Amino acid sequence: MVMCSQDTGGKFVDESCEAHLLVYDVTVPDSVTVNVVFEVLAATRPSQVGKTFSERLSGEKASGKLLNLALATRIITPAEREAARSGPFDLPDEKVLAMKSRQLCGKITMQRKQRQNPATGQWEDDPSDPRSFAHINFDSYDVASDKARGIPKSAQFLAMMHGQPAPLAAPSAPAVPAVNAAPAPAMNW
């Protein structure tokens, strides 16, 4: 039998907050849609740490959000993001899939499901569904950016940012081998 505690929250983000995020999964089901699952690593609301949420981004309708996400995860450069503003920009599937396991910061907002009012044609909260869903919208930033400065970050995950280029830093001096160093011990199996 599995014992479940009543005081543990659900596994999905349920409060607006600013957060350090991990791109947990990315899929490209067709040539215009990208599904992204995020995990919260650290947040202004500690109760959200460890929770997940997903975004479904359309290259046709949400290209700005997708390109901001690609910039925040260092898949594209700021120059490529700027070039995309002036015309069509192709983001190859390989680059999109390379976002998996990368980190970023963002502002998560809770939004109600929307529907188009048949009488007015205006978009409004869907009265038949009172639930709210987490969205990152355009508010995604590189972990090292000024916009992410006040967002809590997980030191453990920052230390694991392998495969994700680090922000530009001054070059370090090359390692110099020690003179008269003792040989490394042999491994005896």
Protein backbone atom coordinates (compact mmCIF):
# COMPACT_ATOMS: atom_id res chain seq x y z
CA MET A 1 0.00 0.00 0.00
CA VAL A 2 1.22 3.52 -0.80
CA MET A 3 0.70 6.13 1.88
CA CYS A 4 -0.07 9.62 0.56
CA SER A 5 0.18 12.73 2.68
CA GLN A 6 -2.57 15.34 2.40
CA ASP A 7 -0.18 18.23 3.04
CA THR A 8 1.97 17.73 -0.06
CA GLY A 9 1.04 19.88 -3.02
CA GLY A 10 0.43 18.64 -6.51
CA LYS A 11 3.19 18.14 -9.01
CA PHE A 12 2.15 21.01 -11.28
CA VAL A 13 2.96 24.69 -10.79
CA ASP A 14 -0.04 26.36 -9.17
CA GLU A 15 1.18 29.85 -8.22
CA SER A 16 2.64 32.76 -10.17
CA CYS A 17 6.32 33.30 -9.38
CA GLU A 18 9.74 34.01 -10.81
CA ALA A 19 11.81 30.87 -11.17
CA HIS A 20 15.04 29.18 -12.19
CA LEU A 21 13.89 26.53 -14.65
CA LEU A 22 15.15 23.37 -16.30
CA VAL A 23 13.89 22.42 -19.75
CA TYR A 24 12.87 18.91 -18.73
CA ASP A 25 11.63 17.77 -22.13
CA VAL A 26 11.15 19.11 -25.66
CA THR A 27 9.23 17.51 -28.51
CA VAL A 28 8.46 18.67 -32.03
CA PRO A 29 5.26 16.80 -32.99
CA ASP A 30 5.00 18.55 -36.36
CA SER A 31 6.86 21.20 -38.33
CA VAL A 32 5.22 24.16 -36.56
CA THR A 33 4.61 23.07 -32.95
CA VAL A 34 7.02 22.72 -30.05
CA ASN A 35 6.01 21.19 -26.71
CA VAL A 36 8.23 22.14 -23.77
CA VAL A 37 8.07 20.78 -20.22
CA PHE A 38 9.73 22.89 -17.52
CA GLU A 39 10.76 21.91 -14.00
CA VAL A 40 11.14 24.57 -11.29
CA LEU A 41 14.62 24.41 -9.70
CA ALA A 42 14.30 27.48 -7.46
CA ALA A 43 11.60 30.11 -7.13
CA THR A 44 10.37 33.20 -5.35
CA ARG A 45 7.63 30.88 -4.03
CA PRO A 46 9.54 27.92 -2.49
CA SER A 47 6.39 25.77 -2.61
CA GLN A 48 6.78 25.64 -6.40
CA VAL A 49 10.26 24.03 -6.38
CA GLY A 50 10.19 20.58 -7.97
CA LYS A 51 6.91 21.21 -9.76
CA THR A 52 6.48 21.20 -13.52
CA PHE A 53 4.44 22.91 -16.22
CA SER A 54 4.31 22.69 -19.97
CA GLU A 55 3.99 25.10 -22.86
CA ARG A 56 2.78 24.33 -26.37
CA LEU A 57 4.30 26.87 -28.73
CA SER A 58 3.30 27.32 -32.34
CA GLY A 59 5.96 28.53 -34.76
CA GLU A 60 3.20 30.37 -36.58
CA LYS A 61 1.43 32.05 -33.65
CA ALA A 62 4.03 31.99 -30.87
CA SER A 63 7.28 32.43 -32.76
CA GLY A 64 8.35 35.32 -30.50
CA LYS A 65 7.91 33.20 -27.38
CA LEU A 66 9.80 30.31 -28.99
CA LEU A 67 12.67 32.57 -30.09
CA ASN A 68 12.88 34.17 -26.62
CA LEU A 69 13.09 30.68 -25.15
CA ALA A 70 15.82 29.72 -27.64
CA LEU A 71 17.75 32.87 -26.71
CA ALA A 72 17.32 32.25 -22.96
CA THR A 73 18.69 28.70 -23.33
CA ARG A 74 21.55 29.94 -25.55
CA ILE A 75 20.41 28.00 -28.60
CA ILE A 76 20.49 31.17 -30.69
CA THR A 77 22.54 34.33 -30.30
CA PRO A 78 21.18 37.82 -29.62
CA ALA A 79 22.11 38.72 -33.23
CA GLU A 80 20.01 35.81 -34.55
CA ARG A 81 17.09 36.87 -32.33
CA GLU A 82 17.33 40.41 -33.65
CA ALA A 83 17.50 39.17 -37.27
CA ALA A 84 14.32 37.16 -36.68
CA ARG A 85 12.43 40.38 -35.94
CA SER A 86 12.89 41.59 -39.51
CA GLY A 87 11.65 38.54 -41.35
CA PRO A 88 11.15 34.79 -41.40
CA PHE A 89 13.61 32.78 -39.33
CA ASP A 90 14.00 29.02 -39.49
CA LEU A 91 14.83 27.25 -36.25
CA PRO A 92 15.95 23.71 -37.16
CA ASP A 93 14.50 20.82 -35.15
CA GLU A 94 18.01 19.89 -33.97
CA LYS A 95 18.40 23.29 -32.31
CA VAL A 96 14.94 23.12 -30.76
CA LEU A 97 15.61 19.62 -29.37
CA ALA A 98 18.97 20.82 -28.01
CA MET A 99 17.05 22.96 -25.49
CA LYS A 100 16.40 19.81 -23.43
CA SER A 101 18.32 19.85 -20.13
CA ARG A 102 19.22 23.53 -20.47
CA GLN A 103 18.49 26.09 -17.78
CA LEU A 104 16.87 29.50 -17.87
CA CYS A 105 14.99 31.92 -15.67
CA GLY A 106 11.49 33.16 -16.20
CA LYS A 107 8.38 34.75 -14.84
CA ILE A 108 5.57 32.19 -14.50
CA THR A 109 2.04 33.54 -14.59
CA MET A 110 -1.15 31.64 -13.91
CA GLN A 111 -3.76 32.15 -16.62
CA ARG A 112 -7.27 30.85 -17.04
CA LYS A 113 -8.24 28.92 -20.14
CA GLN A 114 -9.56 31.30 -22.79
CA ARG A 115 -12.44 30.97 -25.21
CA GLN A 116 -13.80 33.22 -27.90
CA ASN A 117 -17.17 34.70 -26.96
CA PRO A 118 -19.58 33.70 -29.75
CA ALA A 119 -21.60 36.90 -29.38
CA THR A 120 -18.79 39.49 -29.26
CA GLY A 121 -15.87 37.62 -30.85
CA GLN A 122 -13.68 38.77 -27.94
CA TRP A 123 -11.41 36.40 -26.01
CA GLU A 124 -12.44 35.86 -22.39
CA ASP A 125 -11.93 33.48 -19.49
CA ASP A 126 -13.74 30.22 -20.16
CA PRO A 127 -16.57 30.09 -17.59
CA SER A 128 -16.86 26.31 -17.97
CA ASP A 129 -13.26 25.74 -16.76
CA PRO A 130 -12.23 27.59 -13.57
CA ARG A 131 -8.69 26.14 -13.50
CA SER A 132 -5.60 28.24 -14.14
CA PHE A 133 -2.54 27.08 -16.04
CA ALA A 134 1.10 28.16 -15.76
CA HIS A 135 2.66 30.05 -18.66
CA ILE A 136 6.05 31.63 -19.22
CA ASN A 137 4.94 33.84 -22.14
CA PHE A 138 7.68 36.26 -23.27
CA ASP A 139 9.30 36.41 -19.84
CA SER A 140 12.21 34.00 -20.29
CA TYR A 141 15.81 35.04 -19.63
CA ASP A 142 19.32 33.66 -19.71
CA VAL A 143 20.34 32.57 -16.19
CA ALA A 144 23.21 35.09 -16.25
CA SER A 145 21.20 38.05 -17.63
CA ASP A 146 20.46 41.23 -15.69
CA LYS A 147 16.73 40.46 -15.90
CA ALA A 148 17.35 37.24 -13.94
CA ARG A 149 19.44 38.93 -11.24
CA GLY A 150 16.74 38.93 -8.51
CA ILE A 151 15.45 35.44 -9.27
CA PRO A 152 16.52 32.69 -6.82
CA LYS A 153 18.76 30.07 -8.40
CA SER A 154 19.67 26.52 -7.46
CA ALA A 155 23.42 26.45 -6.82
CA GLN A 156 23.43 22.69 -7.40
CA PHE A 157 21.96 23.03 -10.88
CA LEU A 158 24.04 26.07 -11.80
CA ALA A 159 27.12 23.95 -11.10
CA MET A 160 25.79 21.32 -13.51
CA MET A 161 25.38 23.61 -16.51
CA HIS A 162 27.55 21.35 -18.68
CA GLY A 163 26.79 21.48 -22.36
CA GLN A 164 25.29 24.94 -21.99
CA PRO A 165 27.89 27.56 -22.85
CA ALA A 166 28.83 29.77 -19.96
CA PRO A 167 28.55 33.54 -20.21
CA LEU A 168 31.59 35.20 -21.71
CA ALA A 169 34.40 35.51 -19.20
CA ALA A 170 38.01 36.52 -19.23
CA PRO A 171 40.26 33.72 -20.50
CA SER A 172 42.03 31.82 -17.76
CA ALA A 173 45.71 30.98 -17.73
CA PRO A 174 46.59 27.57 -19.14
CA ALA A 175 47.29 24.86 -16.61
CA VAL A 176 51.00 24.27 -16.03
CA PRO A 177 52.07 20.74 -15.12
CA ALA A 178 53.85 20.43 -11.81
CA VAL A 179 57.61 19.89 -11.99
CA ASN A 180 58.90 16.71 -10.31
CA ALA A 181 55.38 15.56 -9.59
CA ALA A 182 54.98 12.00 -8.37
CA PRO A 183 53.47 9.62 -10.92
CA ALA A 184 49.81 8.86 -10.54
CA PRO A 185 49.09 5.56 -8.77
CA ALA A 186 48.29 2.63 -11.02
CA MET A 187 44.84 1.10 -10.86
CA ASN A 188 45.04 -2.57 -9.87
CA TRP A 189 41.82 -4.43 -10.53
